[in-house]
Protein backbone atom coordinates (compact mmCIF):
# COMPACT_ATOMS: atom_id res chain seq x y z
CA UNK A 1 -0.13 -0.01 -0.21
CA UNK A 2 1.38 3.10 -1.06
CA UNK A 3 2.19 5.78 1.75
CA UNK A 4 -0.85 7.74 1.85
CA UNK A 5 -3.36 5.36 0.28
CA UNK A 6 -5.59 5.25 3.20
CA UNK A 7 -9.08 7.01 4.46
CA UNK A 8 -8.66 10.25 6.30
CA UNK A 9 -10.85 9.39 9.38
CA UNK A 10 -11.13 11.76 12.56
CA UNK A 11 -8.80 9.20 14.31
CA UNK A 12 -5.94 9.74 11.31
CA UNK A 13 -6.15 13.42 12.04
CA UNK A 14 -5.81 13.20 15.71
CA UNK A 15 -2.79 10.56 14.96
CA UNK A 16 -1.76 13.17 12.75
CA UNK A 17 -2.31 16.61 14.52
CA UNK A 18 -0.55 14.56 18.01
CA UNK A 19 2.46 13.16 15.53
CA UNK A 20 1.84 9.46 16.57
CA UNK A 21 3.43 6.95 14.11
CA UNK A 22 1.24 4.53 12.60
CA UNK A 23 1.07 1.79 10.17
CA UNK A 24 -2.25 1.56 7.92
CA UNK A 25 -3.62 -1.72 6.55
CA UNK A 26 -6.54 -1.88 4.17
CA UNK A 27 -8.42 -5.41 3.82
CA UNK A 28 -11.49 -7.03 2.70
CA UNK A 29 -14.32 -6.35 5.12
CA UNK A 30 -16.75 -9.45 5.69
CA UNK A 31 -20.11 -8.73 7.56
CA UNK A 32 -19.49 -10.41 11.20
CA UNK A 33 -16.18 -11.70 10.16
CA UNK A 34 -14.92 -10.02 13.14
CA UNK A 35 -11.51 -9.81 14.54
CA UNK A 36 -11.03 -13.62 13.38
CA UNK A 37 -11.47 -12.18 9.81
CA UNK A 38 -9.27 -9.49 10.03
CA UNK A 39 -6.40 -11.56 11.68
CA UNK A 40 -6.47 -13.92 8.94
CA UNK A 41 -6.80 -10.81 6.63
CA UNK A 42 -3.46 -9.08 8.21
CA UNK A 43 -1.81 -12.93 9.12
CA UNK A 44 -1.63 -12.05 12.72
CA UNK A 45 -2.38 -13.29 15.78
CA UNK A 46 -6.29 -12.75 16.73
CA UNK A 47 -4.92 -11.42 20.63
CA UNK A 48 -3.23 -8.43 19.33
CA UNK A 49 -6.29 -7.13 17.31
CA UNK A 50 -8.22 -5.01 19.54
CA UNK A 51 -12.01 -4.59 19.28
CA UNK A 52 -13.57 -1.04 20.16
CA UNK A 53 -16.91 -1.91 21.88
CA UNK A 54 -19.72 0.60 22.76
CA UNK A 55 -21.00 0.00 25.84
CA UNK A 56 -23.42 1.83 28.24
CA UNK A 57 -24.35 1.33 31.86
CA UNK A 58 -28.04 1.70 33.29
CA UNK A 59 -27.71 5.26 34.36
CA UNK A 60 -27.20 5.73 30.01
CA UNK A 61 -23.49 6.42 30.50
CA UNK A 62 -21.74 5.89 27.25
CA UNK A 63 -18.14 4.62 27.38
CA UNK A 64 -15.76 2.55 24.87
CA UNK A 65 -14.11 -1.09 26.00
CA UNK A 66 -11.23 -2.19 24.51
CA UNK A 67 -10.52 -5.97 24.59
CA UNK A 68 -8.28 -8.68 22.63
CA UNK A 69 -10.17 -9.84 19.38
CA UNK A 70 -9.47 -13.19 20.90
CA UNK A 71 -11.63 -12.44 24.54
CA UNK A 72 -15.11 -11.39 25.08
CA UNK A 73 -16.33 -8.86 28.26
CA UNK A 74 -17.33 -10.27 31.65
CA UNK A 75 -20.29 -7.26 31.63
CA UNK A 76 -20.61 -8.08 35.10
CA UNK A 77 -17.22 -8.04 36.04
CA UNK A 78 -16.86 -4.77 34.43
CA UNK A 79 -19.81 -3.65 35.91
CA UNK A 80 -18.18 -4.44 39.16
CA UNK A 81 -14.73 -2.71 38.47
CA UNK A 82 -16.19 0.57 37.17
CA UNK A 83 -19.10 0.83 40.28
CA UNK A 84 -22.62 0.36 38.30
CA UNK A 85 -24.88 -2.20 38.74
CA UNK A 86 -25.09 -3.32 34.87
CA UNK A 87 -23.45 -2.86 31.57
CA UNK A 88 -24.56 -3.67 28.12
CA UNK A 89 -23.42 -2.92 24.63
CA UNK A 90 -24.90 0.23 23.43
CA UNK A 91 -27.23 -0.17 20.39
CA UNK A 92 -26.05 0.31 16.89
CA UNK A 93 -27.37 3.53 15.91
CA UNK A 94 -26.31 4.87 19.53
CA UNK A 95 -23.26 3.87 19.17
CA UNK A 96 -22.95 5.59 15.61
CA UNK A 97 -24.66 8.61 17.22
CA UNK A 98 -22.00 9.04 20.22
CA UNK A 99 -18.73 7.60 18.38
CA UNK A 100 -19.51 9.05 14.75
CA UNK A 101 -18.10 5.79 13.25
CA UNK A 102 -20.48 3.22 11.10
CA UNK A 103 -20.53 0.03 13.07
CA UNK A 104 -17.89 -2.42 12.05
CA UNK A 105 -15.14 0.74 11.86
CA UNK A 106 -15.44 2.20 15.24
CA UNK A 107 -11.99 3.91 16.36
CA UNK A 108 -11.44 4.99 20.15
CA UNK A 109 -9.62 8.03 18.51
CA UNK A 110 -11.44 10.94 17.23
CA UNK A 111 -14.92 10.26 18.49
CA UNK A 112 -17.63 12.99 18.42
CA UNK A 113 -18.26 12.44 21.87
CA UNK A 114 -15.72 12.10 24.66
CA UNK A 115 -16.08 9.23 26.40
CA UNK A 116 -14.24 7.62 29.27
CA UNK A 117 -12.28 3.96 27.59
CA UNK A 118 -12.03 1.14 29.56
CA UNK A 119 -8.81 -1.05 28.25
CA UNK A 120 -8.27 -4.56 29.18
CA UNK A 121 -4.85 -4.18 31.20
CA UNK A 122 -2.98 -7.14 29.32
CA UNK A 123 -3.41 -5.28 26.02
CA UNK A 124 -0.57 -2.94 27.58
CA UNK A 125 1.94 -6.12 27.56
CA UNK A 126 1.85 -5.93 23.76
CA UNK A 127 4.14 -3.50 22.20
CA UNK A 128 2.32 -3.01 19.08
CA UNK A 129 -1.18 -3.38 18.65
CA UNK A 130 -3.99 -3.40 15.52
CA UNK A 131 -7.16 -1.31 16.07
CA UNK A 132 -9.84 0.29 14.04
CA UNK A 133 -8.64 3.25 11.85
CA UNK A 134 -12.32 4.61 11.67
CA UNK A 135 -13.63 2.91 8.92
CA UNK A 136 -14.53 -0.77 8.06
CA UNK A 137 -11.97 -2.38 6.30
CA UNK A 138 -9.45 0.15 7.75
CA UNK A 139 -6.50 -1.26 10.64
CA UNK A 140 -3.83 0.72 12.05
CA UNK A 141 -1.02 -0.74 13.56
CA UNK A 142 0.68 1.57 16.65
CA UNK A 143 2.25 0.83 19.66
CA UNK A 144 0.28 0.08 22.73
CA UNK A 145 1.55 3.25 24.59
CA UNK A 146 -0.85 5.57 22.33
CA UNK A 147 -3.80 4.33 24.00
CA UNK A 148 -2.46 5.56 27.47
CA UNK A 149 -1.09 8.63 25.78
CA UNK A 150 -4.24 9.93 23.82
CA UNK A 151 -7.33 8.36 25.56
CA UNK A 152 -9.33 8.98 29.06
CA UNK A 153 -8.74 5.63 30.37
CA UNK A 154 -8.77 3.53 33.14
CA UNK A 155 -7.30 -0.04 33.42
CA UNK A 156 -9.73 -3.07 34.11
CA UNK A 157 -9.40 -6.76 33.93
CA UNK A 158 -12.56 -8.37 32.66
CA UNK A 159 -11.31 -10.39 29.90
CA UNK A 160 -12.70 -13.96 29.54
CA UNK A 161 -12.34 -16.66 26.80
CA UNK A 162 -14.86 -16.86 24.26
C-alpha cells in the first residue's frame, strides 16, 4: 500500500495532529467476520487485534471498552470494577451517534463525544497492537502506549475466553 493510500478519518486526523506514528492496513471487510477475519487477512494473531466496543451502564452513561480480539468482556465483572449495577452493549444507532463511526468501523480515537475508555490491562503487555482506524476494512498498527497517551482511560481486568 502506498504511504498515502488510506482513508483520512477523525482517528487519523488525531494521530496526525498529535504526531503519532502508525502503519495503515486496508483489507476486505466481511460482515460479521470480526477480529478472526481481520487476523486472517493481516496474518497476525487475533489476540493482538483489539475490539472497540461501545457500551453503557444502567444510568445511560456511554463508554468504550477495548478488548483483545480473542476474548469477550465479562459485563458482570466490568460493572463491578467500574461501580455500576449493569453494563451492556450500546445499540448500533446510539453507538454510531456518539462515536461518529459506522458499526464495524469504530475507533476509540477521534470520537464525536469524549468518553471514558476502559482498557483490558493485558493489552498493554503487547508492544504493538492493531485497532480500527475509523472505517470498515481499515486497521492501524500502533504502539500500545498510544492508548494511554491519547485516551481518557482506566485499566480493567474483565477479559474472558470466548
